[in-house]
């Protein structure tokens, strides 16, 4: 297998959201994390414990990465994000990994 190296200016960032009792969130429609900095931007994680019903996620846990502050952006800004979510499944004692990318054009 051949791996293609990719160069980037921004260093990797990480944010850890630890929920002590997930069952305490099941009464909520949506949980929003505190804002965190990554790549020079402010972000937040949005978690739907019972799934995002508007996007056919019912019966699952839905997790979204959202920009927390957009007021300082000028029209024409572009942000390209590569992200990984690691969700610990206590029942199986394993991590579920979700990888994705996000392109925002403001």
PDB file of N, CA and C in Angstrom:
ATOM      1  N   UNK A   1       0.843  -1.163   0.000  1.00  0.00           N
ATOM      2  CA  UNK A   1       0.000   0.000   0.000  1.00  0.00           C
ATOM      3  C   UNK A   1       0.895   1.236   0.000  1.00  0.00           C
ATOM      4  N   UNK A   2       0.530   2.217  -0.793  1.00  0.00           N
ATOM      5  CA  UNK A   2       1.277   3.466  -0.890  1.00  0.00           C
ATOM      6  C   UNK A   2       0.451   4.566  -0.232  1.00  0.00           C
ATOM      7  N   UNK A   3       1.051   5.295   0.691  1.00  0.00           N
ATOM      8  CA  UNK A   3       0.376   6.402   1.357  1.00  0.00           C
ATOM      9  C   UNK A   3       0.890   7.724   0.796  1.00  0.00           C
ATOM     10  N   UNK A   4      -0.026   8.598   0.498  1.00  0.00           N
ATOM     11  CA  UNK A   4       0.321   9.896  -0.048  1.00  0.00           C
ATOM     12  C   UNK A   4       0.376  10.917   1.092  1.00  0.00           C
ATOM     13  N   UNK A   5       1.537  11.512   1.340  1.00  0.00           N
ATOM     14  CA  UNK A   5       1.605  12.515   2.422  1.00  0.00           C
ATOM     15  C   UNK A   5       0.858  13.786   2.028  1.00  0.00           C
ATOM     16  N   UNK A   6       0.251  14.400   3.024  1.00  0.00           N
ATOM     17  CA  UNK A   6      -0.479  15.648   2.821  1.00  0.00           C
ATOM     18  C   UNK A   6       0.124  16.692   3.747  1.00  0.00           C
ATOM     19  N   UNK A   7       0.463  17.847   3.200  1.00  0.00           N
ATOM     20  CA  UNK A   7       1.011  18.937   3.997  1.00  0.00           C
ATOM     21  C   UNK A   7      -0.106  19.893   4.377  1.00  0.00           C
ATOM     22  N   UNK A   8      -0.023  20.431   5.601  1.00  0.00           N
ATOM     23  CA  UNK A   8      -1.020  21.388   6.057  1.00  0.00           C
ATOM     24  C   UNK A   8      -0.363  22.406   6.966  1.00  0.00           C
ATOM     25  N   UNK A   9      -0.927  23.584   7.015  1.00  0.00           N
ATOM     26  CA  UNK A   9      -0.402  24.652   7.857  1.00  0.00           C
ATOM     27  C   UNK A   9      -0.887  24.537   9.299  1.00  0.00           C
ATOM     28  N   UNK A  10      -2.131  24.157   9.482  1.00  0.00           N
ATOM     29  CA  UNK A  10      -2.728  24.125  10.816  1.00  0.00           C
ATOM     30  C   UNK A  10      -2.348  22.847  11.568  1.00  0.00           C
ATOM     31  N   UNK A  11      -1.954  22.974  12.836  1.00  0.00           N
ATOM     32  CA  UNK A  11      -1.669  21.779  13.624  1.00  0.00           C
ATOM     33  C   UNK A  11      -2.976  21.067  13.978  1.00  0.00           C
ATOM     34  N   UNK A  12      -2.916  19.767  14.245  1.00  0.00           N
ATOM     35  CA  UNK A  12      -4.137  19.063  14.650  1.00  0.00           C
ATOM     36  C   UNK A  12      -4.625  19.584  16.005  1.00  0.00           C
ATOM     37  N   UNK A  13      -5.915  19.517  16.209  1.00  0.00           N
ATOM     38  CA  UNK A  13      -6.542  19.942  17.459  1.00  0.00           C
ATOM     39  C   UNK A  13      -7.393  18.797  17.980  1.00  0.00           C
ATOM     40  N   UNK A  14      -7.710  18.861  19.259  1.00  0.00           N
ATOM     41  CA  UNK A  14      -8.621  17.857  19.796  1.00  0.00           C
ATOM     42  C   UNK A  14      -9.476  18.469  20.894  1.00  0.00           C
ATOM     43  N   UNK A  15     -10.604  17.837  21.127  1.00  0.00           N
ATOM     44  CA  UNK A  15     -11.532  18.251  22.176  1.00  0.00           C
ATOM     45  C   UNK A  15     -12.136  16.996  22.760  1.00  0.00           C
ATOM     46  N   UNK A  16     -12.156  16.900  24.062  1.00  0.00           N
ATOM     47  CA  UNK A  16     -12.713  15.728  24.744  1.00  0.00           C
ATOM     48  C   UNK A  16     -13.984  16.141  25.457  1.00  0.00           C
ATOM     49  N   UNK A  17     -15.069  15.479  25.130  1.00  0.00           N
ATOM     50  CA  UNK A  17     -16.345  15.676  25.811  1.00  0.00           C
ATOM     51  C   UNK A  17     -16.639  14.375  26.542  1.00  0.00           C
ATOM     52  N   UNK A  18     -16.595  14.426  27.851  1.00  0.00           N
ATOM     53  CA  UNK A  18     -16.850  13.233  28.657  1.00  0.00           C
ATOM     54  C   UNK A  18     -18.184  13.402  29.358  1.00  0.00           C
ATOM     55  N   UNK A  19     -19.073  12.483  29.122  1.00  0.00           N
ATOM     56  CA  UNK A  19     -20.398  12.498  29.739  1.00  0.00           C
ATOM     57  C   UNK A  19     -20.413  11.424  30.818  1.00  0.00           C
ATOM     58  N   UNK A  20     -20.590  11.848  32.054  1.00  0.00           N
ATOM     59  CA  UNK A  20     -20.530  10.912  33.186  1.00  0.00           C
ATOM     60  C   UNK A  20     -21.684   9.910  33.157  1.00  0.00           C
ATOM     61  N   UNK A  21     -22.871  10.363  32.828  1.00  0.00           N
ATOM     62  CA  UNK A  21     -24.041   9.488  32.824  1.00  0.00           C
ATOM     63  C   UNK A  21     -24.872   9.774  31.574  1.00  0.00           C
ATOM     64  N   UNK A  22     -24.650   8.988  30.542  1.00  0.00           N
ATOM     65  CA  UNK A  22     -25.365   9.216  29.291  1.00  0.00           C
ATOM     66  C   UNK A  22     -26.873   9.089  29.485  1.00  0.00           C
ATOM     67  N   UNK A  23     -27.294   8.205  30.373  1.00  0.00           N
ATOM     68  CA  UNK A  23     -28.735   8.014  30.589  1.00  0.00           C
ATOM     69  C   UNK A  23     -29.402   9.288  31.096  1.00  0.00           C
ATOM     70  N   UNK A  24     -28.643  10.193  31.721  1.00  0.00           N
ATOM     71  CA  UNK A  24     -29.222  11.459  32.177  1.00  0.00           C
ATOM     72  C   UNK A  24     -29.554  12.384  31.001  1.00  0.00           C
ATOM     73  N   UNK A  25     -29.027  12.098  29.824  1.00  0.00           N
ATOM     74  CA  UNK A  25     -29.294  12.924  28.642  1.00  0.00           C
ATOM     75  C   UNK A  25     -30.498  12.449  27.834  1.00  0.00           C
ATOM     76  N   UNK A  26     -30.990  11.248  28.114  1.00  0.00           N
ATOM     77  CA  UNK A  26     -32.046  10.683  27.271  1.00  0.00           C
ATOM     78  C   UNK A  26     -33.346  11.483  27.330  1.00  0.00           C
ATOM     79  N   UNK A  27     -33.511  12.322  28.353  1.00  0.00           N
ATOM     80  CA  UNK A  27     -34.702  13.176  28.429  1.00  0.00           C
ATOM     81  C   UNK A  27     -34.558  14.438  27.579  1.00  0.00           C
ATOM     82  N   UNK A  28     -33.333  14.691  27.099  1.00  0.00           N
ATOM     83  CA  UNK A  28     -33.082  15.882  26.286  1.00  0.00           C
ATOM     84  C   UNK A  28     -33.243  15.581  24.808  1.00  0.00           C
ATOM     85  N   UNK A  29     -33.719  16.575  24.072  1.00  0.00           N
ATOM     86  CA  UNK A  29     -33.751  16.448  22.622  1.00  0.00           C
ATOM     87  C   UNK A  29     -32.367  16.699  22.039  1.00  0.00           C
ATOM     88  N   UNK A  30     -31.651  17.717  22.614  1.00  0.00           N
ATOM     89  CA  UNK A  30     -30.360  18.120  22.081  1.00  0.00           C
ATOM     90  C   UNK A  30     -29.462  18.579  23.220  1.00  0.00           C
ATOM     91  N   UNK A  31     -28.201  18.158  23.193  1.00  0.00           N
ATOM     92  CA  UNK A  31     -27.189  18.592  24.146  1.00  0.00           C
ATOM     93  C   UNK A  31     -26.106  19.326  23.364  1.00  0.00           C
ATOM     94  N   UNK A  32     -25.710  20.514  23.838  1.00  0.00           N
ATOM     95  CA  UNK A  32     -24.687  21.303  23.153  1.00  0.00           C
ATOM     96  C   UNK A  32     -23.503  21.472  24.088  1.00  0.00           C
ATOM     97  N   UNK A  33     -22.304  21.166  23.592  1.00  0.00           N
ATOM     98  CA  UNK A  33     -21.087  21.284  24.402  1.00  0.00           C
ATOM     99  C   UNK A  33     -20.710  22.743  24.594  1.00  0.00           C
ATOM    100  N   UNK A  34     -19.757  22.968  25.468  1.00  0.00           N
ATOM    101  CA  UNK A  34     -19.144  24.286  25.567  1.00  0.00           C
ATOM    102  C   UNK A  34     -18.387  24.559  24.271  1.00  0.00           C
ATOM    103  N   UNK A  35     -18.151  25.814  23.975  1.00  0.00           N
ATOM    104  CA  UNK A  35     -17.351  26.177  22.808  1.00  0.00           C
ATOM    105  C   UNK A  35     -15.902  25.750  23.039  1.00  0.00           C
ATOM    106  N   UNK A  36     -15.237  25.362  21.961  1.00  0.00           N
ATOM    107  CA  UNK A  36     -13.820  25.014  22.031  1.00  0.00           C
ATOM    108  C   UNK A  36     -13.115  25.538  20.788  1.00  0.00           C
ATOM    109  N   UNK A  37     -11.819  25.777  20.925  1.00  0.00           N
ATOM    110  CA  UNK A  37     -11.010  26.281  19.812  1.00  0.00           C
ATOM    111  C   UNK A  37     -10.357  25.123  19.074  1.00  0.00           C
ATOM    112  N   UNK A  38     -10.400  25.184  17.761  1.00  0.00           N
ATOM    113  CA  UNK A  38      -9.696  24.208  16.921  1.00  0.00           C
ATOM    114  C   UNK A  38      -9.454  24.852  15.568  1.00  0.00           C
ATOM    115  N   UNK A  39      -8.209  24.854  15.138  1.00  0.00           N
ATOM    116  CA  UNK A  39      -7.862  25.403  13.833  1.00  0.00           C
ATOM    117  C   UNK A  39      -8.102  26.895  13.716  1.00  0.00           C
ATOM    118  N   UNK A  40      -8.097  27.586  14.846  1.00  0.00           N
ATOM    119  CA  UNK A  40      -8.311  29.029  14.817  1.00  0.00           C
ATOM    120  C   UNK A  40      -9.773  29.440  14.787  1.00  0.00           C
ATOM    121  N   UNK A  41     -10.675  28.499  14.969  1.00  0.00           N
ATOM    122  CA  UNK A  41     -12.106  28.773  14.968  1.00  0.00           C
ATOM    123  C   UNK A  41     -12.724  28.259  16.263  1.00  0.00           C
ATOM    124  N   UNK A  42     -13.894  28.798  16.605  1.00  0.00           N
ATOM    125  CA  UNK A  42     -14.646  28.327  17.768  1.00  0.00           C
ATOM    126  C   UNK A  42     -15.728  27.364  17.288  1.00  0.00           C
ATOM    127  N   UNK A  43     -15.764  26.186  17.922  1.00  0.00           N
ATOM    128  CA  UNK A  43     -16.676  25.117  17.541  1.00  0.00           C
ATOM    129  C   UNK A  43     -17.500  24.680  18.737  1.00  0.00           C
ATOM    130  N   UNK A  44     -18.497  23.861  18.471  1.00  0.00           N
ATOM    131  CA  UNK A  44     -19.256  23.182  19.515  1.00  0.00           C
ATOM    132  C   UNK A  44     -19.727  21.846  18.951  1.00  0.00           C
ATOM    133  N   UNK A  45     -19.929  20.897  19.846  1.00  0.00           N
ATOM    134  CA  UNK A  45     -20.495  19.602  19.464  1.00  0.00           C
ATOM    135  C   UNK A  45     -21.968  19.615  19.832  1.00  0.00           C
ATOM    136  N   UNK A  46     -22.806  19.163  18.931  1.00  0.00           N
ATOM    137  CA  UNK A  46     -24.232  19.032  19.185  1.00  0.00           C
ATOM    138  C   UNK A  46     -24.562  17.544  19.173  1.00  0.00           C
ATOM    139  N   UNK A  47     -25.155  17.094  20.252  1.00  0.00           N
ATOM    140  CA  UNK A  47     -25.448  15.675  20.438  1.00  0.00           C
ATOM    141  C   UNK A  47     -26.948  15.499  20.628  1.00  0.00           C
ATOM    142  N   UNK A  48     -27.521  14.626  19.819  1.00  0.00           N
ATOM    143  CA  UNK A  48     -28.921  14.260  19.955  1.00  0.00           C
ATOM    144  C   UNK A  48     -28.951  12.846  20.544  1.00  0.00           C
ATOM    145  N   UNK A  49     -29.205  12.713  21.863  1.00  0.00           N
ATOM    146  CA  UNK A  49     -29.142  11.396  22.509  1.00  0.00           C
ATOM    147  C   UNK A  49     -30.117  10.373  21.922  1.00  0.00           C
ATOM    148  N   UNK A  50     -31.251  10.853  21.407  1.00  0.00           N
ATOM    149  CA  UNK A  50     -32.258   9.959  20.840  1.00  0.00           C
ATOM    150  C   UNK A  50     -32.321  10.062  19.321  1.00  0.00           C
ATOM    151  N   UNK A  51     -31.299  10.646  18.739  1.00  0.00           N
ATOM    152  CA  UNK A  51     -31.245  10.790  17.295  1.00  0.00           C
ATOM    153  C   UNK A  51     -31.868  12.088  16.819  1.00  0.00           C
ATOM    154  N   UNK A  52     -31.380  12.582  15.706  1.00  0.00           N
ATOM    155  CA  UNK A  52     -31.897  13.789  15.071  1.00  0.00           C
ATOM    156  C   UNK A  52     -33.050  13.369  14.167  1.00  0.00           C
ATOM    157  N   UNK A  53     -34.261  13.513  14.665  1.00  0.00           N
ATOM    158  CA  UNK A  53     -35.445  13.049  13.938  1.00  0.00           C
ATOM    159  C   UNK A  53     -35.660  13.778  12.620  1.00  0.00           C
ATOM    160  N   UNK A  54     -35.226  15.057  12.555  1.00  0.00           N
ATOM    161  CA  UNK A  54     -35.400  15.831  11.317  1.00  0.00           C
ATOM    162  C   UNK A  54     -34.523  15.309  10.185  1.00  0.00           C
ATOM    163  N   UNK A  55     -33.443  14.582  10.524  1.00  0.00           N
ATOM    164  CA  UNK A  55     -32.538  14.039   9.503  1.00  0.00           C
ATOM    165  C   UNK A  55     -32.516  12.513   9.516  1.00  0.00           C
ATOM    166  N   UNK A  56     -33.656  11.914   9.871  1.00  0.00           N
ATOM    167  CA  UNK A  56     -33.847  10.455   9.850  1.00  0.00           C
ATOM    168  C   UNK A  56     -32.861   9.710  10.749  1.00  0.00           C
ATOM    169  N   UNK A  57     -32.518  10.318  11.909  1.00  0.00           N
ATOM    170  CA  UNK A  57     -31.582   9.684  12.833  1.00  0.00           C
ATOM    171  C   UNK A  57     -32.246   9.039  14.030  1.00  0.00           C
ATOM    172  N   UNK A  58     -33.565   8.948  14.012  1.00  0.00           N
ATOM    173  CA  UNK A  58     -34.286   8.396  15.158  1.00  0.00           C
ATOM    174  C   UNK A  58     -33.814   6.972  15.462  1.00  0.00           C
ATOM    175  N   UNK A  59     -33.603   6.692  16.737  1.00  0.00           N
ATOM    176  CA  UNK A  59     -33.144   5.372  17.147  1.00  0.00           C
ATOM    177  C   UNK A  59     -31.633   5.257  17.188  1.00  0.00           C
ATOM    178  N   UNK A  60     -30.939   6.339  16.889  1.00  0.00           N
ATOM    179  CA  UNK A  60     -29.482   6.380  16.905  1.00  0.00           C
ATOM    180  C   UNK A  60     -29.029   7.600  17.695  1.00  0.00           C
ATOM    181  N   UNK A  61     -27.764   7.688  17.983  1.00  0.00           N
ATOM    182  CA  UNK A  61     -27.192   8.891  18.551  1.00  0.00           C
ATOM    183  C   UNK A  61     -26.663   9.720  17.388  1.00  0.00           C
ATOM    184  N   UNK A  62     -27.042  10.989  17.339  1.00  0.00           N
ATOM    185  CA  UNK A  62     -26.569  11.876  16.274  1.00  0.00           C
ATOM    186  C   UNK A  62     -25.590  12.877  16.871  1.00  0.00           C
ATOM    187  N   UNK A  63     -24.444  13.053  16.207  1.00  0.00           N
ATOM    188  CA  UNK A  63     -23.415  13.991  16.655  1.00  0.00           C
ATOM    189  C   UNK A  63     -23.068  14.909  15.487  1.00  0.00           C
ATOM    190  N   UNK A  64     -23.023  16.217  15.770  1.00  0.00           N
ATOM    191  CA  UNK A  64     -22.688  17.192  14.750  1.00  0.00           C
ATOM    192  C   UNK A  64     -21.600  18.119  15.259  1.00  0.00           C
ATOM    193  N   UNK A  65     -20.770  18.566  14.359  1.00  0.00           N
ATOM    194  CA  UNK A  65     -19.765  19.581  14.614  1.00  0.00           C
ATOM    195  C   UNK A  65     -20.284  20.873  13.989  1.00  0.00           C
ATOM    196  N   UNK A  66     -20.383  21.937  14.815  1.00  0.00           N
ATOM    197  CA  UNK A  66     -20.913  23.201  14.318  1.00  0.00           C
ATOM    198  C   UNK A  66     -19.976  24.351  14.673  1.00  0.00           C
ATOM    199  N   UNK A  67     -19.917  25.339  13.797  1.00  0.00           N
ATOM    200  CA  UNK A  67     -19.206  26.573  14.118  1.00  0.00           C
ATOM    201  C   UNK A  67     -19.989  27.297  15.202  1.00  0.00           C
ATOM    202  N   UNK A  68     -19.293  27.731  16.242  1.00  0.00           N
ATOM    203  CA  UNK A  68     -19.964  28.408  17.349  1.00  0.00           C
ATOM    204  C   UNK A  68     -20.120  29.902  17.086  1.00  0.00           C
ATOM    205  N   UNK A  69     -19.175  30.478  16.361  1.00  0.00           N
ATOM    206  CA  UNK A  69     -19.216  31.914  16.089  1.00  0.00           C
ATOM    207  C   UNK A  69     -18.978  32.154  14.611  1.00  0.00           C
ATOM    208  N   UNK A  70     -19.927  32.836  13.984  1.00  0.00           N
ATOM    209  CA  UNK A  70     -19.792  33.113  12.564  1.00  0.00           C
ATOM    210  C   UNK A  70     -19.853  34.603  12.259  1.00  0.00           C
ATOM    211  N   UNK A  71     -20.046  35.432  13.275  1.00  0.00           N
ATOM    212  CA  UNK A  71     -20.244  36.862  13.046  1.00  0.00           C
ATOM    213  C   UNK A  71     -19.011  37.555  12.476  1.00  0.00           C
ATOM    214  N   UNK A  72     -17.823  37.007  12.735  1.00  0.00           N
ATOM    215  CA  UNK A  72     -16.606  37.670  12.264  1.00  0.00           C
ATOM    216  C   UNK A  72     -16.216  37.292  10.829  1.00  0.00           C
ATOM    217  N   UNK A  73     -16.942  36.371  10.227  1.00  0.00           N
ATOM    218  CA  UNK A  73     -16.608  35.937   8.874  1.00  0.00           C
ATOM    219  C   UNK A  73     -17.171  36.901   7.844  1.00  0.00           C
ATOM    220  N   UNK A  74     -16.387  37.116   6.808  1.00  0.00           N
ATOM    221  CA  UNK A  74     -16.848  37.926   5.695  1.00  0.00           C
ATOM    222  C   UNK A  74     -17.360  37.002   4.600  1.00  0.00           C
ATOM    223  N   UNK A  75     -18.207  37.523   3.763  1.00  0.00           N
ATOM    224  CA  UNK A  75     -18.749  36.725   2.662  1.00  0.00           C
ATOM    225  C   UNK A  75     -17.597  36.253   1.786  1.00  0.00           C
ATOM    226  N   UNK A  76     -17.633  34.986   1.414  1.00  0.00           N
ATOM    227  CA  UNK A  76     -16.596  34.407   0.587  1.00  0.00           C
ATOM    228  C   UNK A  76     -15.609  33.537   1.359  1.00  0.00           C
ATOM    229  N   UNK A  77     -15.710  33.554   2.691  1.00  0.00           N
ATOM    230  CA  UNK A  77     -14.818  32.705   3.498  1.00  0.00           C
ATOM    231  C   UNK A  77     -15.092  31.236   3.214  1.00  0.00           C
ATOM    232  N   UNK A  78     -14.034  30.455   3.232  1.00  0.00           N
ATOM    233  CA  UNK A  78     -14.161  29.011   3.077  1.00  0.00           C
ATOM    234  C   UNK A  78     -13.380  28.331   4.185  1.00  0.00           C
ATOM    235  N   UNK A  79     -13.954  27.282   4.727  1.00  0.00           N
ATOM    236  CA  UNK A  79     -13.300  26.485   5.767  1.00  0.00           C
ATOM    237  C   UNK A  79     -13.402  25.029   5.354  1.00  0.00           C
ATOM    238  N   UNK A  80     -12.274  24.348   5.325  1.00  0.00           N
ATOM    239  CA  UNK A  80     -12.234  22.926   5.000  1.00  0.00           C
ATOM    240  C   UNK A  80     -11.799  22.179   6.253  1.00  0.00           C
ATOM    241  N   UNK A  81     -12.634  21.299   6.753  1.00  0.00           N
ATOM    242  CA  UNK A  81     -12.400  20.605   8.023  1.00  0.00           C
ATOM    243  C   UNK A  81     -12.354  19.101   7.795  1.00  0.00           C
ATOM    244  N   UNK A  82     -11.361  18.467   8.385  1.00  0.00           N
ATOM    245  CA  UNK A  82     -11.301  17.005   8.431  1.00  0.00           C
ATOM    246  C   UNK A  82     -11.405  16.636   9.898  1.00  0.00           C
ATOM    247  N   UNK A  83     -12.356  15.781  10.250  1.00  0.00           N
ATOM    248  CA  UNK A  83     -12.580  15.476  11.660  1.00  0.00           C
ATOM    249  C   UNK A  83     -12.745  13.980  11.891  1.00  0.00           C
ATOM    250  N   UNK A  84     -12.501  13.590  13.133  1.00  0.00           N
ATOM    251  CA  UNK A  84     -12.718  12.215  13.599  1.00  0.00           C
ATOM    252  C   UNK A  84     -13.460  12.291  14.922  1.00  0.00           C
ATOM    253  N   UNK A  85     -14.515  11.525  15.050  1.00  0.00           N
ATOM    254  CA  UNK A  85     -15.200  11.351  16.327  1.00  0.00           C
ATOM    255  C   UNK A  85     -14.842   9.973  16.852  1.00  0.00           C
ATOM    256  N   UNK A  86     -14.505   9.907  18.123  1.00  0.00           N
ATOM    257  CA  UNK A  86     -14.273   8.639  18.802  1.00  0.00           C
ATOM    258  C   UNK A  86     -15.296   8.552  19.930  1.00  0.00           C
ATOM    259  N   UNK A  87     -16.221   7.612  19.821  1.00  0.00           N
ATOM    260  CA  UNK A  87     -17.282   7.449  20.811  1.00  0.00           C
ATOM    261  C   UNK A  87     -17.060   6.118  21.513  1.00  0.00           C
ATOM    262  N   UNK A  88     -16.924   6.168  22.829  1.00  0.00           N
ATOM    263  CA  UNK A  88     -16.671   4.953  23.595  1.00  0.00           C
ATOM    264  C   UNK A  88     -17.985   4.253  23.894  1.00  0.00           C
ATOM    265  N   UNK A  89     -18.092   3.010  23.479  1.00  0.00           N
ATOM    266  CA  UNK A  89     -19.255   2.164  23.730  1.00  0.00           C
ATOM    267  C   UNK A  89     -18.950   1.315  24.957  1.00  0.00           C
ATOM    268  N   UNK A  90     -19.528   1.669  26.096  1.00  0.00           N
ATOM    269  CA  UNK A  90     -19.235   0.957  27.348  1.00  0.00           C
ATOM    270  C   UNK A  90     -19.746  -0.479  27.333  1.00  0.00           C
ATOM    271  N   UNK A  91     -20.806  -0.732  26.588  1.00  0.00           N
ATOM    272  CA  UNK A  91     -21.356  -2.093  26.548  1.00  0.00           C
ATOM    273  C   UNK A  91     -20.402  -3.057  25.847  1.00  0.00           C
ATOM    274  N   UNK A  92     -19.718  -2.592  24.806  1.00  0.00           N
ATOM    275  CA  UNK A  92     -18.793  -3.448  24.066  1.00  0.00           C
ATOM    276  C   UNK A  92     -17.345  -3.202  24.448  1.00  0.00           C
ATOM    277  N   UNK A  93     -17.098  -2.172  25.278  1.00  0.00           N
ATOM    278  CA  UNK A  93     -15.752  -1.796  25.702  1.00  0.00           C
ATOM    279  C   UNK A  93     -14.855  -1.506  24.489  1.00  0.00           C
ATOM    280  N   UNK A  94     -15.425  -0.782  23.514  1.00  0.00           N
ATOM    281  CA  UNK A  94     -14.712  -0.443  22.285  1.00  0.00           C
ATOM    282  C   UNK A  94     -15.075   0.986  21.871  1.00  0.00           C
ATOM    283  N   UNK A  95     -14.235   1.558  21.013  1.00  0.00           N
ATOM    284  CA  UNK A  95     -14.499   2.873  20.447  1.00  0.00           C
ATOM    285  C   UNK A  95     -15.110   2.728  19.062  1.00  0.00           C
ATOM    286  N   UNK A  96     -16.140   3.502  18.821  1.00  0.00           N
ATOM    287  CA  UNK A  96     -16.704   3.632  17.484  1.00  0.00           C
ATOM    288  C   UNK A  96     -16.061   4.878  16.889  1.00  0.00           C
ATOM    289  N   UNK A  97     -15.489   4.758  15.702  1.00  0.00           N
ATOM    290  CA  UNK A  97     -14.797   5.871  15.068  1.00  0.00           C
ATOM    291  C   UNK A  97     -15.590   6.337  13.854  1.00  0.00           C
ATOM    292  N   UNK A  98     -15.831   7.641  13.805  1.00  0.00           N
ATOM    293  CA  UNK A  98     -16.521   8.245  12.677  1.00  0.00           C
ATOM    294  C   UNK A  98     -15.588   9.287  12.085  1.00  0.00           C
ATOM    295  N   UNK A  99     -15.313   9.165  10.791  1.00  0.00           N
ATOM    296  CA  UNK A  99     -14.418  10.107  10.117  1.00  0.00           C
ATOM    297  C   UNK A  99     -15.225  10.870   9.074  1.00  0.00           C
ATOM    298  N   UNK A 100     -14.881  12.120   8.904  1.00  0.00           N
ATOM    299  CA  UNK A 100     -15.609  12.897   7.903  1.00  0.00           C
ATOM    300  C   UNK A 100     -14.875  14.162   7.534  1.00  0.00           C
ATOM    301  N   UNK A 101     -15.456  14.877   6.620  1.00  0.00           N
ATOM    302  CA  UNK A 101     -14.918  16.178   6.226  1.00  0.00           C
ATOM    303  C   UNK A 101     -16.099  17.126   6.038  1.00  0.00           C
ATOM    304  N   UNK A 102     -15.783  18.384   6.159  1.00  0.00           N
ATOM    305  CA  UNK A 102     -16.805  19.411   6.107  1.00  0.00           C
ATOM    306  C   UNK A 102     -16.238  20.589   5.337  1.00  0.00           C
ATOM    307  N   UNK A 103     -16.955  21.061   4.359  1.00  0.00           N
ATOM    308  CA  UNK A 103     -16.530  22.240   3.603  1.00  0.00           C
ATOM    309  C   UNK A 103     -17.589  23.302   3.808  1.00  0.00           C
ATOM    310  N   UNK A 104     -17.204  24.414   4.404  1.00  0.00           N
ATOM    311  CA  UNK A 104     -18.126  25.509   4.646  1.00  0.00           C
ATOM    312  C   UNK A 104     -17.772  26.689   3.756  1.00  0.00           C
ATOM    313  N   UNK A 105     -18.747  27.192   3.071  1.00  0.00           N
ATOM    314  CA  UNK A 105     -18.570  28.405   2.253  1.00  0.00           C
ATOM    315  C   UNK A 105     -19.545  29.438   2.796  1.00  0.00           C
ATOM    316  N   UNK A 106     -18.994  30.517   3.308  1.00  0.00           N
ATOM    317  CA  UNK A 106     -19.830  31.518   3.963  1.00  0.00           C
ATOM    318  C   UNK A 106     -20.031  32.716   3.062  1.00  0.00           C
TER     319      UNK A 106
END
